[in-house]
Each structure stands twice: as structure tokens, then as C-alpha cells.
PDB file of all heavy atoms in Angstrom:
ATOM      1  N   MET A   1     118.174  26.444  67.675  1.00  0.00           N
ATOM      2  CA  MET A   1     118.087  27.864  67.329  1.00  0.00           C
ATOM      3  C   MET A   1     118.172  28.075  65.818  1.00  0.00           C
ATOM      4  O   MET A   1     117.437  28.895  65.266  1.00  0.00           O
ATOM      5  CB  MET A   1     119.193  28.643  68.038  1.00  0.00           C
ATOM      6  CG  MET A   1     118.966  28.768  69.532  1.00  0.00           C
ATOM      7  SD  MET A   1     120.372  29.434  70.458  1.00  0.00           S
ATOM      8  CE  MET A   1     120.724  30.952  69.601  1.00  0.00           C
ATOM      9  N   ALA A   2     119.051  27.334  65.151  1.00  0.00           N
ATOM     10  CA  ALA A   2     119.194  27.463  63.690  1.00  0.00           C
ATOM     11  C   ALA A   2     117.921  26.990  62.987  1.00  0.00           C
ATOM     12  O   ALA A   2     117.465  27.618  62.019  1.00  0.00           O
ATOM     13  CB  ALA A   2     120.402  26.665  63.210  1.00  0.00           C
ATOM     14  N   GLU A   3     117.348  25.901  63.474  1.00  0.00           N
ATOM     15  CA  GLU A   3     116.108  25.384  62.879  1.00  0.00           C
ATOM     16  C   GLU A   3     114.982  26.397  63.066  1.00  0.00           C
ATOM     17  O   GLU A   3     114.188  26.639  62.163  1.00  0.00           O
ATOM     18  CB  GLU A   3     115.740  24.052  63.528  1.00  0.00           C
ATOM     19  CG  GLU A   3     114.558  23.371  62.892  1.00  0.00           C
ATOM     20  CD  GLU A   3     114.240  22.024  63.508  1.00  0.00           C
ATOM     21  OE1 GLU A   3     115.039  21.484  64.285  1.00  0.00           O
ATOM     22  OE2 GLU A   3     113.146  21.506  63.198  1.00  0.00           O
ATOM     23  N   ARG A   4     114.920  27.006  64.238  1.00  0.00           N
ATOM     24  CA  ARG A   4     113.899  28.016  64.503  1.00  0.00           C
ATOM     25  C   ARG A   4     114.106  29.241  63.617  1.00  0.00           C
ATOM     26  O   ARG A   4     113.144  29.800  63.089  1.00  0.00           O
ATOM     27  CB  ARG A   4     113.919  28.415  65.973  1.00  0.00           C
ATOM     28  CG  ARG A   4     112.820  29.388  66.315  1.00  0.00           C
ATOM     29  CD  ARG A   4     112.692  29.609  67.818  1.00  0.00           C
ATOM     30  NE  ARG A   4     111.750  30.676  68.050  1.00  0.00           N
ATOM     31  CZ  ARG A   4     112.053  31.961  68.048  1.00  0.00           C
ATOM     32  NH1 ARG A   4     113.298  32.350  67.872  1.00  0.00           N
ATOM     33  NH2 ARG A   4     111.126  32.870  68.251  1.00  0.00           N
ATOM     34  N   GLU A   5     115.346  29.658  63.453  1.00  0.00           N
ATOM     35  CA  GLU A   5     115.631  30.811  62.595  1.00  0.00           C
ATOM     36  C   GLU A   5     115.203  30.529  61.150  1.00  0.00           C
ATOM     37  O   GLU A   5     114.639  31.396  60.488  1.00  0.00           O
ATOM     38  CB  GLU A   5     117.113  31.171  62.654  1.00  0.00           C
ATOM     39  CG  GLU A   5     117.499  32.370  61.826  1.00  0.00           C
ATOM     40  CD  GLU A   5     116.780  33.652  62.205  1.00  0.00           C
ATOM     41  OE1 GLU A   5     116.436  33.828  63.390  1.00  0.00           O
ATOM     42  OE2 GLU A   5     116.541  34.479  61.311  1.00  0.00           O
ATOM     43  N   ALA A   6     115.450  29.319  60.686  1.00  0.00           N
ATOM     44  CA  ALA A   6     115.024  28.944  59.331  1.00  0.00           C
ATOM     45  C   ALA A   6     113.501  28.989  59.220  1.00  0.00           C
ATOM     46  O   ALA A   6     112.958  29.463  58.210  1.00  0.00           O
ATOM     47  CB  ALA A   6     115.547  27.558  58.978  1.00  0.00           C
ATOM     48  N   ALA A   7     112.814  28.520  60.238  1.00  0.00           N
ATOM     49  CA  ALA A   7     111.344  28.563  60.238  1.00  0.00           C
ATOM     50  C   ALA A   7     110.853  30.011  60.215  1.00  0.00           C
ATOM     51  O   ALA A   7     109.899  30.343  59.500  1.00  0.00           O
ATOM     52  CB  ALA A   7     110.799  27.821  61.456  1.00  0.00           C
ATOM     53  N   ARG A   8     111.507  30.868  60.978  1.00  0.00           N
ATOM     54  CA  ARG A   8     111.111  32.279  61.003  1.00  0.00           C
ATOM     55  C   ARG A   8     111.352  32.944  59.651  1.00  0.00           C
ATOM     56  O   ARG A   8     110.531  33.740  59.189  1.00  0.00           O
ATOM     57  CB  ARG A   8     111.871  33.030  62.098  1.00  0.00           C
ATOM     58  CG  ARG A   8     111.444  32.600  63.489  1.00  0.00           C
ATOM     59  CD  ARG A   8     112.157  33.370  64.557  1.00  0.00           C
ATOM     60  NE  ARG A   8     111.656  34.735  64.513  1.00  0.00           N
ATOM     61  CZ  ARG A   8     112.374  35.808  64.806  1.00  0.00           C
ATOM     62  NH1 ARG A   8     113.626  35.701  65.182  1.00  0.00           N
ATOM     63  NH2 ARG A   8     111.843  37.004  64.756  1.00  0.00           N
ATOM     64  N   ARG A   9     112.495  32.628  59.023  1.00  0.00           N
ATOM     65  CA  ARG A   9     112.792  33.214  57.703  1.00  0.00           C
ATOM     66  C   ARG A   9     111.750  32.814  56.676  1.00  0.00           C
ATOM     67  O   ARG A   9     111.400  33.604  55.800  1.00  0.00           O
ATOM     68  CB  ARG A   9     114.176  32.787  57.230  1.00  0.00           C
ATOM     69  CG  ARG A   9     115.282  33.674  57.734  1.00  0.00           C
ATOM     70  CD  ARG A   9     116.569  33.490  56.941  1.00  0.00           C
ATOM     71  NE  ARG A   9     116.980  32.100  56.867  1.00  0.00           N
ATOM     72  CZ  ARG A   9     117.780  31.487  57.733  1.00  0.00           C
ATOM     73  NH1 ARG A   9     118.276  32.152  58.745  1.00  0.00           N
ATOM     74  NH2 ARG A   9     118.100  30.225  57.595  1.00  0.00           N
ATOM     75  N   SER A  10     111.256  31.571  56.773  1.00  0.00           N
ATOM     76  CA  SER A  10     110.247  31.109  55.818  1.00  0.00           C
ATOM     77  C   SER A  10     108.824  31.428  56.293  1.00  0.00           C
ATOM     78  O   SER A  10     107.858  30.983  55.682  1.00  0.00           O
ATOM     79  CB  SER A  10     110.398  29.605  55.576  1.00  0.00           C
ATOM     80  OG  SER A  10     110.117  28.879  56.756  1.00  0.00           O
ATOM     81  N   LYS A  11     108.731  32.211  57.369  1.00  0.00           N
ATOM     82  CA  LYS A  11     107.456  32.655  57.935  1.00  0.00           C
ATOM     83  C   LYS A  11     106.570  31.491  58.383  1.00  0.00           C
ATOM     84  O   LYS A  11     105.350  31.564  58.335  1.00  0.00           O
ATOM     85  CB  LYS A  11     106.727  33.581  56.969  1.00  0.00           C
ATOM     86  CG  LYS A  11     107.526  34.838  56.653  1.00  0.00           C
ATOM     87  CD  LYS A  11     106.714  35.812  55.852  1.00  0.00           C
ATOM     88  CE  LYS A  11     107.548  36.949  55.330  1.00  0.00           C
ATOM     89  NZ  LYS A  11     108.077  37.856  56.250  1.00  0.00           N
ATOM     90  N   ASP A  12     107.210  30.416  58.834  1.00  0.00           N
ATOM     91  CA  ASP A  12     106.494  29.273  59.403  1.00  0.00           C
ATOM     92  C   ASP A  12     106.413  29.505  60.914  1.00  0.00           C
ATOM     93  O   ASP A  12     107.142  28.929  61.710  1.00  0.00           O
ATOM     94  CB  ASP A  12     107.244  27.971  59.086  1.00  0.00           C
ATOM     95  CG  ASP A  12     106.485  26.731  59.542  1.00  0.00           C
ATOM     96  OD1 ASP A  12     105.456  26.875  60.245  1.00  0.00           O
ATOM     97  OD2 ASP A  12     106.934  25.623  59.206  1.00  0.00           O
ATOM     98  N   TRP A  13     105.504  30.409  61.295  1.00  0.00           N
ATOM     99  CA  TRP A  13     105.413  30.854  62.687  1.00  0.00           C
ATOM    100  C   TRP A  13     105.012  29.713  63.624  1.00  0.00           C
ATOM    101  O   TRP A  13     105.477  29.673  64.762  1.00  0.00           O
ATOM    102  CB  TRP A  13     104.449  32.019  62.810  1.00  0.00           C
ATOM    103  CG  TRP A  13     104.742  33.122  61.838  1.00  0.00           C
ATOM    104  CD1 TRP A  13     103.904  33.622  60.896  1.00  0.00           C
ATOM    105  CD2 TRP A  13     105.966  33.861  61.698  1.00  0.00           C
ATOM    106  NE1 TRP A  13     104.529  34.624  60.184  1.00  0.00           N
ATOM    107  CE2 TRP A  13     105.796  34.786  60.655  1.00  0.00           C
ATOM    108  CE3 TRP A  13     107.198  33.816  62.348  1.00  0.00           C
ATOM    109  CZ2 TRP A  13     106.788  35.664  60.255  1.00  0.00           C
ATOM    110  CZ3 TRP A  13     108.196  34.691  61.952  1.00  0.00           C
ATOM    111  CH2 TRP A  13     107.986  35.608  60.919  1.00  0.00           C
ATOM    112  N   LYS A  14     104.165  28.822  63.134  1.00  0.00           N
ATOM    113  CA  LYS A  14     103.744  27.697  63.975  1.00  0.00           C
ATOM    114  C   LYS A  14     104.954  26.843  64.367  1.00  0.00           C
ATOM    115  O   LYS A  14     105.125  26.488  65.531  1.00  0.00           O
ATOM    116  CB  LYS A  14     102.707  26.845  63.239  1.00  0.00           C
ATOM    117  CG  LYS A  14     102.198  25.691  64.059  1.00  0.00           C
ATOM    118  CD  LYS A  14     101.164  24.878  63.316  1.00  0.00           C
ATOM    119  CE  LYS A  14     100.757  23.688  64.168  1.00  0.00           C
ATOM    120  NZ  LYS A  14      99.933  22.753  63.442  1.00  0.00           N
ATOM    121  N   ARG A  15     105.795  26.516  63.403  1.00  0.00           N
ATOM    122  CA  ARG A  15     106.986  25.705  63.676  1.00  0.00           C
ATOM    123  C   ARG A  15     107.960  26.469  64.580  1.00  0.00           C
ATOM    124  O   ARG A  15     108.549  25.889  65.500  1.00  0.00           O
ATOM    125  CB  ARG A  15     107.676  25.294  62.364  1.00  0.00           C
ATOM    126  CG  ARG A  15     108.900  24.460  62.547  1.00  0.00           C
ATOM    127  CD  ARG A  15     108.575  23.117  63.140  1.00  0.00           C
ATOM    128  NE  ARG A  15     109.795  22.343  63.311  1.00  0.00           N
ATOM    129  CZ  ARG A  15     109.996  21.485  64.296  1.00  0.00           C
ATOM    130  NH1 ARG A  15     109.052  21.226  65.150  1.00  0.00           N
ATOM    131  NH2 ARG A  15     111.135  20.852  64.397  1.00  0.00           N
ATOM    132  N   ALA A  16     108.127  27.755  64.342  1.00  0.00           N
ATOM    133  CA  ALA A  16     109.017  28.565  65.174  1.00  0.00           C
ATOM    134  C   ALA A  16     108.532  28.564  66.622  1.00  0.00           C
ATOM    135  O   ALA A  16     109.333  28.424  67.557  1.00  0.00           O
ATOM    136  CB  ALA A  16     109.100  29.990  64.635  1.00  0.00           C
ATOM    137  N   ASP A  17     107.224  28.674  66.812  1.00  0.00           N
ATOM    138  CA  ASP A  17     106.664  28.632  68.164  1.00  0.00           C
ATOM    139  C   ASP A  17     106.852  27.265  68.804  1.00  0.00           C
ATOM    140  O   ASP A  17     107.142  27.160  69.992  1.00  0.00           O
ATOM    141  CB  ASP A  17     105.180  28.999  68.145  1.00  0.00           C
ATOM    142  CG  ASP A  17     104.943  30.478  67.869  1.00  0.00           C
ATOM    143  OD1 ASP A  17     105.893  31.273  67.989  1.00  0.00           O
ATOM    144  OD2 ASP A  17     103.796  30.825  67.529  1.00  0.00           O
ATOM    145  N   GLU A  18     106.692  26.199  68.011  1.00  0.00           N
ATOM    146  CA  GLU A  18     106.900  24.839  68.536  1.00  0.00           C
ATOM    147  C   GLU A  18     108.339  24.665  69.028  1.00  0.00           C
ATOM    148  O   GLU A  18     108.571  24.062  70.077  1.00  0.00           O
ATOM    149  CB  GLU A  18     106.603  23.792  67.454  1.00  0.00           C
ATOM    150  CG  GLU A  18     105.136  23.656  67.127  1.00  0.00           C
ATOM    151  CD  GLU A  18     104.890  22.799  65.884  1.00  0.00           C
ATOM    152  OE1 GLU A  18     105.859  22.354  65.226  1.00  0.00           O
ATOM    153  OE2 GLU A  18     103.705  22.581  65.565  1.00  0.00           O
ATOM    154  N   LEU A  19     109.287  25.188  68.281  1.00  0.00           N
ATOM    155  CA  LEU A  19     110.698  25.069  68.669  1.00  0.00           C
ATOM    156  C   LEU A  19     110.997  25.897  69.920  1.00  0.00           C
ATOM    157  O   LEU A  19     111.762  25.467  70.775  1.00  0.00           O
ATOM    158  CB  LEU A  19     111.597  25.471  67.504  1.00  0.00           C
ATOM    159  CG  LEU A  19     111.538  24.502  66.320  1.00  0.00           C
ATOM    160  CD1 LEU A  19     112.180  25.122  65.089  1.00  0.00           C
ATOM    161  CD2 LEU A  19     112.202  23.189  66.671  1.00  0.00           C
ATOM    162  N   ARG A  20     110.371  27.060  70.044  1.00  0.00           N
ATOM    163  CA  ARG A  20     110.535  27.873  71.247  1.00  0.00           C
ATOM    164  C   ARG A  20     109.971  27.109  72.452  1.00  0.00           C
ATOM    165  O   ARG A  20     110.575  27.079  73.518  1.00  0.00           O
ATOM    166  CB  ARG A  20     109.837  29.221  71.113  1.00  0.00           C
ATOM    167  CG  ARG A  20     110.046  30.116  72.337  1.00  0.00           C
ATOM    168  CD  ARG A  20     109.207  31.380  72.269  1.00  0.00           C
ATOM    169  NE  ARG A  20     109.604  32.288  71.235  1.00  0.00           N
ATOM    170  CZ  ARG A  20     110.505  33.258  71.371  1.00  0.00           C
ATOM    171  NH1 ARG A  20     111.125  33.416  72.508  1.00  0.00           N
ATOM    172  NH2 ARG A  20     110.779  34.062  70.379  1.00  0.00           N
ATOM    173  N   GLU A  21     108.818  26.470  72.277  1.00  0.00           N
ATOM    174  CA  GLU A  21     108.211  25.687  73.350  1.00  0.00           C
ATOM    175  C   GLU A  21     109.074  24.477  73.713  1.00  0.00           C
ATOM    176  O   GLU A  21     109.175  24.114  74.889  1.00  0.00           O
ATOM    177  CB  GLU A  21     106.810  25.252  72.951  1.00  0.00           C
ATOM    178  CG  GLU A  21     105.815  26.415  72.904  1.00  0.00           C
ATOM    179  CD  GLU A  21     104.488  26.040  72.281  1.00  0.00           C
ATOM    180  OE1 GLU A  21     104.206  24.837  72.086  1.00  0.00           O
ATOM    181  OE2 GLU A  21     103.715  26.973  71.973  1.00  0.00           O
ATOM    182  N   LYS A  22     109.683  23.863  72.712  1.00  0.00           N
ATOM    183  CA  LYS A  22     110.574  22.729  72.971  1.00  0.00           C
ATOM    184  C   LYS A  22     111.755  23.174  73.834  1.00  0.00           C
ATOM    185  O   LYS A  22     112.139  22.488  74.780  1.00  0.00           O
ATOM    186  CB  LYS A  22     111.080  22.146  71.641  1.00  0.00           C
ATOM    187  CG  LYS A  22     112.002  20.965  71.796  1.00  0.00           C
ATOM    188  CD  LYS A  22     112.432  20.424  70.445  1.00  0.00           C
ATOM    189  CE  LYS A  22     113.409  19.277  70.614  1.00  0.00           C
ATOM    190  NZ  LYS A  22     113.842  18.734  69.322  1.00  0.00           N
ATOM    191  N   ALA A  23     112.306  24.329  73.521  1.00  0.00           N
ATOM    192  CA  ALA A  23     113.410  24.866  74.316  1.00  0.00           C
ATOM    193  C   ALA A  23     112.933  25.173  75.732  1.00  0.00           C
ATOM    194  O   ALA A  23     113.619  24.855  76.710  1.00  0.00           O
ATOM    195  CB  ALA A  23     113.980  26.122  73.650  1.00  0.00           C
ATOM    196  N   ALA A  24     111.759  25.759  75.848  1.00  0.00           N
ATOM    197  CA  ALA A  24     111.217  26.101  77.170  1.00  0.00           C
ATOM    198  C   ALA A  24     111.016  24.848  78.015  1.00  0.00           C
ATOM    199  O   ALA A  24     111.264  24.867  79.222  1.00  0.00           O
ATOM    200  CB  ALA A  24     109.905  26.864  77.018  1.00  0.00           C
ATOM    201  N   ALA A  25     110.611  23.758  77.392  1.00  0.00           N
ATOM    202  CA  ALA A  25     110.419  22.504  78.114  1.00  0.00           C
ATOM    203  C   ALA A  25     111.742  21.970  78.663  1.00  0.00           C
ATOM    204  O   ALA A  25     111.755  21.219  79.639  1.00  0.00           O
ATOM    205  CB  ALA A  25     109.764  21.470  77.202  1.00  0.00           C
ATOM    206  N   GLN A  26     112.838  22.379  78.064  1.00  0.00           N
ATOM    207  CA  GLN A  26     114.172  21.978  78.518  1.00  0.00           C
ATOM    208  C   GLN A  26     114.771  23.008  79.475  1.00  0.00           C
ATOM    209  O   GLN A  26     115.923  22.903  79.861  1.00  0.00           O
ATOM    210  CB  GLN A  26     115.104  21.767  77.314  1.00  0.00           C
ATOM    211  CG  GLN A  26     114.658  20.647  76.421  1.00  0.00           C
ATOM    212  CD  GLN A  26     115.506  20.522  75.164  1.00  0.00           C
ATOM    213  OE1 GLN A  26     116.255  21.419  74.799  1.00  0.00           O
ATOM    214  NE2 GLN A  26     115.391  19.394  74.502  1.00  0.00           N
ATOM    215  N   GLY A  27     113.989  24.034  79.822  1.00  0.00           N
ATOM    216  CA  GLY A  27     114.463  25.055  80.747  1.00  0.00           C
ATOM    217  C   GLY A  27     115.271  26.157  80.097  1.00  0.00           C
ATOM    218  O   GLY A  27     116.081  26.804  80.741  1.00  0.00           O
ATOM    219  N   ILE A  28     115.033  26.384  78.804  1.00  0.00           N
ATOM    220  CA  ILE A  28     115.805  27.369  78.044  1.00  0.00           C
ATOM    221  C   ILE A  28     114.869  28.418  77.455  1.00  0.00           C
ATOM    222  O   ILE A  28     113.840  28.086  76.865  1.00  0.00           O
ATOM    223  CB  ILE A  28     116.602  26.679  76.927  1.00  0.00           C
ATOM    224  CG1 ILE A  28     117.623  25.752  77.570  1.00  0.00           C
ATOM    225  CG2 ILE A  28     117.253  27.685  75.999  1.00  0.00           C
ATOM    226  CD1 ILE A  28     118.300  24.832  76.624  1.00  0.00           C
ATOM    227  N   VAL A  29     115.246  29.677  77.619  1.00  0.00           N
ATOM    228  CA  VAL A  29     114.485  30.785  77.047  1.00  0.00           C
ATOM    229  C   VAL A  29     115.233  31.262  75.801  1.00  0.00           C
ATOM    230  O   VAL A  29     116.422  31.571  75.867  1.00  0.00           O
ATOM    231  CB  VAL A  29     114.354  31.946  78.053  1.00  0.00           C
ATOM    232  CG1 VAL A  29     113.663  33.139  77.421  1.00  0.00           C
ATOM    233  CG2 VAL A  29     113.624  31.487  79.300  1.00  0.00           C
ATOM    234  N   LEU A  30     114.537  31.312  74.671  1.00  0.00           N
ATOM    235  CA  LEU A  30     115.106  31.856  73.439  1.00  0.00           C
ATOM    236  C   LEU A  30     114.659  33.309  73.333  1.00  0.00           C
ATOM    237  O   LEU A  30     113.475  33.605  73.471  1.00  0.00           O
ATOM    238  CB  LEU A  30     114.631  31.061  72.222  1.00  0.00           C
ATOM    239  CG  LEU A  30     115.022  29.594  72.179  1.00  0.00           C
ATOM    240  CD1 LEU A  30     114.473  28.935  70.908  1.00  0.00           C
ATOM    241  CD2 LEU A  30     116.529  29.429  72.243  1.00  0.00           C
ATOM    242  N   GLU A  31     115.616  34.189  73.106  1.00  0.00           N
ATOM    243  CA  GLU A  31     115.322  35.620  73.016  1.00  0.00           C
ATOM    244  C   GLU A  31     115.776  36.155  71.668  1.00  0.00           C
ATOM    245  O   GLU A  31     116.935  35.999  71.288  1.00  0.00           O
ATOM    246  CB  GLU A  31     116.031  36.367  74.142  1.00  0.00           C
ATOM    247  CG  GLU A  31     115.559  35.934  75.519  1.00  0.00           C
ATOM    248  CD  GLU A  31     116.280  36.623  76.649  1.00  0.00           C
ATOM    249  OE1 GLU A  31     117.483  36.953  76.496  1.00  0.00           O
ATOM    250  OE2 GLU A  31     115.643  36.834  77.691  1.00  0.00           O
ATOM    251  N   ASP A  32     114.846  36.777  70.966  1.00  0.00           N
ATOM    252  CA  ASP A  32     115.143  37.370  69.658  1.00  0.00           C
ATOM    253  C   ASP A  32     115.528  38.828  69.847  1.00  0.00           C
ATOM    254  O   ASP A  32     114.902  39.547  70.626  1.00  0.00           O
ATOM    255  CB  ASP A  32     113.916  37.273  68.749  1.00  0.00           C
ATOM    256  CG  ASP A  32     113.485  35.835  68.516  1.00  0.00           C
ATOM    257  OD1 ASP A  32     114.377  34.985  68.345  1.00  0.00           O
ATOM    258  OD2 ASP A  32     112.279  35.562  68.521  1.00  0.00           O
ATOM    259  N   GLY A  33     116.551  39.251  69.132  1.00  0.00           N
ATOM    260  CA  GLY A  33     117.002  40.635  69.214  1.00  0.00           C
ATOM    261  C   GLY A  33     117.601  41.075  67.899  1.00  0.00           C
ATOM    262  O   GLY A  33     117.654  40.291  66.943  1.00  0.00           O
ATOM    263  N   PRO A  34     118.053  42.302  67.827  1.00  0.00           N
ATOM    264  CA  PRO A  34     118.622  42.840  66.592  1.00  0.00           C
ATOM    265  C   PRO A  34     119.829  42.046  66.095  1.00  0.00           C
ATOM    266  O   PRO A  34     120.085  41.985  64.902  1.00  0.00           O
ATOM    267  CB  PRO A  34     119.031  44.267  66.946  1.00  0.00           C
ATOM    268  CG  PRO A  34     118.388  44.564  68.256  1.00  0.00           C
ATOM    269  CD  PRO A  34     118.039  43.274  68.906  1.00  0.00           C
ATOM    270  N   GLN A  35     120.576  41.426  67.007  1.00  0.00           N
ATOM    271  CA  GLN A  35     121.757  40.662  66.622  1.00  0.00           C
ATOM    272  C   GLN A  35     121.435  39.194  66.385  1.00  0.00           C
ATOM    273  O   GLN A  35     122.346  38.399  66.186  1.00  0.00           O
ATOM    274  CB  GLN A  35     122.824  40.742  67.717  1.00  0.00           C
ATOM    275  CG  GLN A  35     123.172  42.145  68.201  1.00  0.00           C
ATOM    276  CD  GLN A  35     123.396  43.146  67.102  1.00  0.00           C
ATOM    277  OE1 GLN A  35     122.473  43.912  66.826  1.00  0.00           O
ATOM    278  NE2 GLN A  35     124.533  43.169  66.475  1.00  0.00           N
ATOM    279  N   GLY A  36     120.163  38.825  66.444  1.00  0.00           N
ATOM    280  CA  GLY A  36     119.771  37.432  66.242  1.00  0.00           C
ATOM    281  C   GLY A  36     119.211  36.831  67.526  1.00  0.00           C
ATOM    282  O   GLY A  36     118.897  37.545  68.467  1.00  0.00           O
ATOM    283  N   THR A  37     119.106  35.536  67.543  1.00  0.00           N
ATOM    284  CA  THR A  37     118.531  34.829  68.672  1.00  0.00           C
ATOM    285  C   THR A  37     119.629  34.387  69.631  1.00  0.00           C
ATOM    286  O   THR A  37     120.673  33.899  69.214  1.00  0.00           O
ATOM    287  CB  THR A  37     117.732  33.597  68.190  1.00  0.00           C
ATOM    288  OG1 THR A  37     116.730  34.033  67.282  1.00  0.00           O
ATOM    289  CG2 THR A  37     117.068  32.881  69.346  1.00  0.00           C
ATOM    290  N   THR A  38     119.368  34.586  70.912  1.00  0.00           N
ATOM    291  CA  THR A  38     120.266  34.111  71.962  1.00  0.00           C
ATOM    292  C   THR A  38     119.443  33.243  72.907  1.00  0.00           C
ATOM    293  O   THR A  38     118.208  33.195  72.796  1.00  0.00           O
ATOM    294  CB  THR A  38     120.890  35.284  72.743  1.00  0.00           C
ATOM    295  OG1 THR A  38     119.832  36.061  73.314  1.00  0.00           O
ATOM    296  CG2 THR A  38     121.757  36.151  71.846  1.00  0.00           C
ATOM    297  N   TRP A  39     120.141  32.583  73.817  1.00  0.00           N
ATOM    298  CA  TRP A  39     119.418  31.766  74.792  1.00  0.00           C
ATOM    299  C   TRP A  39     119.978  32.017  76.183  1.00  0.00           C
ATOM    300  O   TRP A  39     121.082  32.493  76.335  1.00  0.00           O
ATOM    301  CB  TRP A  39     119.503  30.282  74.439  1.00  0.00           C
ATOM    302  CG  TRP A  39     120.841  29.660  74.653  1.00  0.00           C
ATOM    303  CD1 TRP A  39     121.872  29.609  73.758  1.00  0.00           C
ATOM    304  CD2 TRP A  39     121.299  28.988  75.824  1.00  0.00           C
ATOM    305  NE1 TRP A  39     122.938  28.964  74.299  1.00  0.00           N
ATOM    306  CE2 TRP A  39     122.615  28.563  75.582  1.00  0.00           C
ATOM    307  CE3 TRP A  39     120.728  28.722  77.064  1.00  0.00           C
ATOM    308  CZ2 TRP A  39     123.357  27.869  76.536  1.00  0.00           C
ATOM    309  CZ3 TRP A  39     121.482  28.030  78.006  1.00  0.00           C
ATOM    310  CH2 TRP A  39     122.777  27.618  77.723  1.00  0.00           C
ATOM    311  N   ARG A  40     119.142  31.688  77.172  1.00  0.00           N
ATOM    312  CA  ARG A  40     119.538  31.774  78.567  1.00  0.00           C
ATOM    313  C   ARG A  40     118.738  30.751  79.347  1.00  0.00           C
ATOM    314  O   ARG A  40     117.649  30.344  78.900  1.00  0.00           O
ATOM    315  CB  ARG A  40     119.334  33.179  79.126  1.00  0.00           C
ATOM    316  CG  ARG A  40     117.880  33.608  79.191  1.00  0.00           C
ATOM    317  CD  ARG A  40     117.713  34.968  79.883  1.00  0.00           C
ATOM    318  NE  ARG A  40     116.355  35.418  79.799  1.00  0.00           N
ATOM    319  CZ  ARG A  40     115.359  35.012  80.597  1.00  0.00           C
ATOM    320  NH1 ARG A  40     115.596  34.128  81.542  1.00  0.00           N
ATOM    321  NH2 ARG A  40     114.144  35.487  80.452  1.00  0.00           N
ATOM    322  N   PRO A  41     119.237  30.343  80.498  1.00  0.00           N
ATOM    323  CA  PRO A  41     118.455  29.445  81.346  1.00  0.00           C
ATOM    324  C   PRO A  41     117.169  30.139  81.795  1.00  0.00           C
ATOM    325  O   PRO A  41     117.149  31.344  82.016  1.00  0.00           O
ATOM    326  CB  PRO A  41     119.363  29.175  82.548  1.00  0.00           C
ATOM    327  CG  PRO A  41     120.746  29.494  82.058  1.00  0.00           C
ATOM    328  CD  PRO A  41     120.569  30.578  81.038  1.00  0.00           C
TER     329      PRO A  41
END
């Protein structure tokens, strides 16, 4: 999540999407919100 947040801050959308997909492959959903990114199964 921290690596993805860093990618988003630097506007590296491709890398941010890759990290979201990596999490999804592990059965984890990353959700962005006003308080930051959270995760859930």
C-alpha cells in the first residue's frame, strides 16, 4: 500500500495499477478514500 501510494503521489499510474493488480491476485481489494488507502479481502 505504501509503495502504491508513493507511485500515485508521483503520478506513476501504470505502477499504481500494477500494485493494485498484485494485491488483487492475492485476494485483496485496495480501496482509495478521503482518509487514504485501505484494504479488504
